Amino acid sequence: MGINIAKPTYAKWPVKFKLSEPDGTIREEEHVIHYALGPVDSATCGDSIIGWDAGAFDKADGTPLEFSRDAVGQLFANPEIAAGLVSGFQAIARGEHLMGNSPNSSAG
């Protein structure tokens, strides 16, 4: 079997989020974010996010936050969530998804 030469269009990356609790403790969660692959110099982190696994984020009322451009903006309004998203973007930009560091890398 030969190597498929089709260029992957996205990668799924497990992102760790550190979130402050009302009592001052820090809770860590991990969720898979879907990042578009492309030239890093012309993409911003927010533009590269093309989805997330179901159940990753909830609205204030507890219902799931479905992916949309507006939803991405809502995530970036929270600095703790934004930090995790940027960290995942940087890992993809460094090519870590190609180095066997995540079992979730995928071609779209």
C-alpha atoms as a PDB file:
ATOM      1  CA  MET A   1       0.000   0.000   0.000  1.00  0.00           C
ATOM      2  CA  GLY A   2       1.383   3.406  -0.995  1.00  0.00           C
ATOM      3  CA  ILE A   3       1.397   6.664   0.889  1.00  0.00           C
ATOM      4  CA  ASN A   4      -1.710   8.759   0.328  1.00  0.00           C
ATOM      5  CA  ILE A   5      -0.490  12.089  -1.054  1.00  0.00           C
ATOM      6  CA  ALA A   6      -3.682  13.988  -0.233  1.00  0.00           C
ATOM      7  CA  LYS A   7      -2.873  16.925   2.016  1.00  0.00           C
ATOM      8  CA  PRO A   8      -4.617  16.759   5.397  1.00  0.00           C
ATOM      9  CA  THR A   9      -6.995  19.678   5.895  1.00  0.00           C
ATOM     10  CA  TYR A  10      -7.339  19.550   9.674  1.00  0.00           C
ATOM     11  CA  ALA A  11      -6.002  17.971  12.835  1.00  0.00           C
ATOM     12  CA  LYS A  12      -7.797  17.100  16.051  1.00  0.00           C
ATOM     13  CA  TRP A  13      -5.737  18.097  19.070  1.00  0.00           C
ATOM     14  CA  PRO A  14      -6.326  17.411  22.782  1.00  0.00           C
ATOM     15  CA  VAL A  15      -6.187  20.785  24.544  1.00  0.00           C
ATOM     16  CA  LYS A  16      -5.748  21.168  28.298  1.00  0.00           C
ATOM     17  CA  PHE A  17      -7.698  23.958  29.952  1.00  0.00           C
ATOM     18  CA  LYS A  18      -6.873  25.238  33.448  1.00  0.00           C
ATOM     19  CA  LEU A  19      -9.974  26.820  34.936  1.00  0.00           C
ATOM     20  CA  SER A  20     -10.378  28.808  38.152  1.00  0.00           C
ATOM     21  CA  GLU A  21     -13.063  27.653  40.564  1.00  0.00           C
ATOM     22  CA  PRO A  22     -15.008  30.066  42.799  1.00  0.00           C
ATOM     23  CA  ASP A  23     -13.103  28.752  45.845  1.00  0.00           C
ATOM     24  CA  GLY A  24      -9.751  29.669  44.250  1.00  0.00           C
ATOM     25  CA  THR A  25      -8.738  26.137  43.261  1.00  0.00           C
ATOM     26  CA  ILE A  26      -7.741  25.274  39.704  1.00  0.00           C
ATOM     27  CA  ARG A  27      -9.538  22.550  37.751  1.00  0.00           C
ATOM     28  CA  GLU A  28      -7.963  21.012  34.650  1.00  0.00           C
ATOM     29  CA  GLU A  29     -10.018  19.634  31.770  1.00  0.00           C
ATOM     30  CA  GLU A  30      -8.980  18.253  28.394  1.00  0.00           C
ATOM     31  CA  HIS A  31     -11.094  18.531  25.245  1.00  0.00           C
ATOM     32  CA  VAL A  32     -10.365  17.830  21.579  1.00  0.00           C
ATOM     33  CA  ILE A  33     -10.340  20.902  19.341  1.00  0.00           C
ATOM     34  CA  HIS A  34     -10.339  20.687  15.535  1.00  0.00           C
ATOM     35  CA  TYR A  35      -7.787  22.997  13.880  1.00  0.00           C
ATOM     36  CA  ALA A  36      -7.539  23.752  10.163  1.00  0.00           C
ATOM     37  CA  LEU A  37      -4.100  23.124   8.693  1.00  0.00           C
ATOM     38  CA  GLY A  38      -2.620  25.799   6.510  1.00  0.00           C
ATOM     39  CA  PRO A  39      -0.029  28.555   6.379  1.00  0.00           C
ATOM     40  CA  VAL A  40       0.553  29.708   9.941  1.00  0.00           C
ATOM     41  CA  ASP A  41       1.686  33.179   8.950  1.00  0.00           C
ATOM     42  CA  SER A  42      -1.684  34.031   7.423  1.00  0.00           C
ATOM     43  CA  ALA A  43      -3.931  32.332   9.972  1.00  0.00           C
ATOM     44  CA  THR A  44      -4.983  33.442  13.393  1.00  0.00           C
ATOM     45  CA  CYS A  45      -5.802  31.003  16.135  1.00  0.00           C
ATOM     46  CA  GLY A  46      -9.506  31.831  16.080  1.00  0.00           C
ATOM     47  CA  ASP A  47      -9.727  31.424  12.312  1.00  0.00           C
ATOM     48  CA  SER A  48      -8.017  28.041  12.479  1.00  0.00           C
ATOM     49  CA  ILE A  49     -10.576  26.536  14.875  1.00  0.00           C
ATOM     50  CA  ILE A  50     -13.118  24.639  12.804  1.00  0.00           C
ATOM     51  CA  GLY A  51     -14.873  22.645  15.500  1.00  0.00           C
ATOM     52  CA  TRP A  52     -14.652  20.669  18.710  1.00  0.00           C
ATOM     53  CA  ASP A  53     -15.834  17.342  19.999  1.00  0.00           C
ATOM     54  CA  ALA A  54     -19.401  17.216  21.305  1.00  0.00           C
ATOM     55  CA  GLY A  55     -19.758  18.218  24.918  1.00  0.00           C
ATOM     56  CA  ALA A  56     -16.521  20.189  25.088  1.00  0.00           C
ATOM     57  CA  PHE A  57     -18.207  23.469  26.018  1.00  0.00           C
ATOM     58  CA  ASP A  58     -21.513  24.401  27.627  1.00  0.00           C
ATOM     59  CA  LYS A  59     -23.452  27.662  27.608  1.00  0.00           C
ATOM     60  CA  ALA A  60     -24.270  29.382  30.904  1.00  0.00           C
ATOM     61  CA  ASP A  61     -27.607  27.526  30.996  1.00  0.00           C
ATOM     62  CA  GLY A  62     -25.831  24.149  30.750  1.00  0.00           C
ATOM     63  CA  THR A  63     -26.804  23.358  27.146  1.00  0.00           C
ATOM     64  CA  PRO A  64     -24.023  22.365  24.736  1.00  0.00           C
ATOM     65  CA  LEU A  65     -22.275  25.176  22.876  1.00  0.00           C
ATOM     66  CA  GLU A  66     -22.455  24.212  19.207  1.00  0.00           C
ATOM     67  CA  PHE A  67     -19.647  25.283  16.887  1.00  0.00           C
ATOM     68  CA  SER A  68     -20.037  28.590  15.066  1.00  0.00           C
ATOM     69  CA  ARG A  69     -17.804  31.597  14.428  1.00  0.00           C
ATOM     70  CA  ASP A  70     -19.755  33.470  17.130  1.00  0.00           C
ATOM     71  CA  ALA A  71     -19.178  30.587  19.553  1.00  0.00           C
ATOM     72  CA  VAL A  72     -15.421  30.759  18.911  1.00  0.00           C
ATOM     73  CA  GLY A  73     -15.588  34.455  19.787  1.00  0.00           C
ATOM     74  CA  GLN A  74     -17.405  33.616  23.014  1.00  0.00           C
ATOM     75  CA  LEU A  75     -14.639  31.175  23.959  1.00  0.00           C
ATOM     76  CA  PHE A  76     -11.955  33.812  23.386  1.00  0.00           C
ATOM     77  CA  ALA A  77     -13.832  36.169  25.732  1.00  0.00           C
ATOM     78  CA  ASN A  78     -12.760  33.876  28.595  1.00  0.00           C
ATOM     79  CA  PRO A  79      -8.978  34.303  29.110  1.00  0.00           C
ATOM     80  CA  GLU A  80      -8.535  30.833  30.633  1.00  0.00           C
ATOM     81  CA  ILE A  81     -10.235  29.135  27.690  1.00  0.00           C
ATOM     82  CA  ALA A  82      -8.406  31.390  25.221  1.00  0.00           C
ATOM     83  CA  ALA A  83      -5.062  30.356  26.749  1.00  0.00           C
ATOM     84  CA  GLY A  84      -5.846  26.679  26.114  1.00  0.00           C
ATOM     85  CA  LEU A  85      -6.995  27.330  22.543  1.00  0.00           C
ATOM     86  CA  VAL A  86      -3.837  29.316  21.764  1.00  0.00           C
ATOM     87  CA  SER A  87      -1.664  26.588  23.297  1.00  0.00           C
ATOM     88  CA  GLY A  88      -3.309  23.983  21.042  1.00  0.00           C
ATOM     89  CA  PHE A  89      -2.885  26.250  18.007  1.00  0.00           C
ATOM     90  CA  GLN A  90       0.806  26.666  18.787  1.00  0.00           C
ATOM     91  CA  ALA A  91       1.247  22.880  19.082  1.00  0.00           C
ATOM     92  CA  ILE A  92      -0.343  22.412  15.643  1.00  0.00           C
ATOM     93  CA  ALA A  93       1.793  25.245  14.200  1.00  0.00           C
ATOM     94  CA  ARG A  94       4.919  23.468  15.520  1.00  0.00           C
ATOM     95  CA  GLY A  95       3.797  20.304  13.749  1.00  0.00           C
ATOM     96  CA  GLU A  96       3.370  18.267  16.911  1.00  0.00           C
ATOM     97  CA  HIS A  97       0.406  16.469  15.327  1.00  0.00           C
ATOM     98  CA  LEU A  98       2.930  15.018  12.843  1.00  0.00           C
ATOM     99  CA  MET A  99       5.366  13.858  15.516  1.00  0.00           C
ATOM    100  CA  GLY A 100       3.189  11.173  17.037  1.00  0.00           C
ATOM    101  CA  ASN A 101       2.410  13.303  20.069  1.00  0.00           C
ATOM    102  CA  SER A 102      -1.355  12.872  19.615  1.00  0.00           C
ATOM    103  CA  PRO A 103      -3.351   9.835  18.540  1.00  0.00           C
ATOM    104  CA  ASN A 104      -6.075  12.227  17.340  1.00  0.00           C
ATOM    105  CA  SER A 105      -4.376  13.601  14.224  1.00  0.00           C
ATOM    106  CA  SER A 106      -6.656  13.190  11.226  1.00  0.00           C
ATOM    107  CA  ALA A 107      -7.031  14.089   7.583  1.00  0.00           C
ATOM    108  CA  GLY A 108     -10.270  15.731   6.571  1.00  0.00           C
END
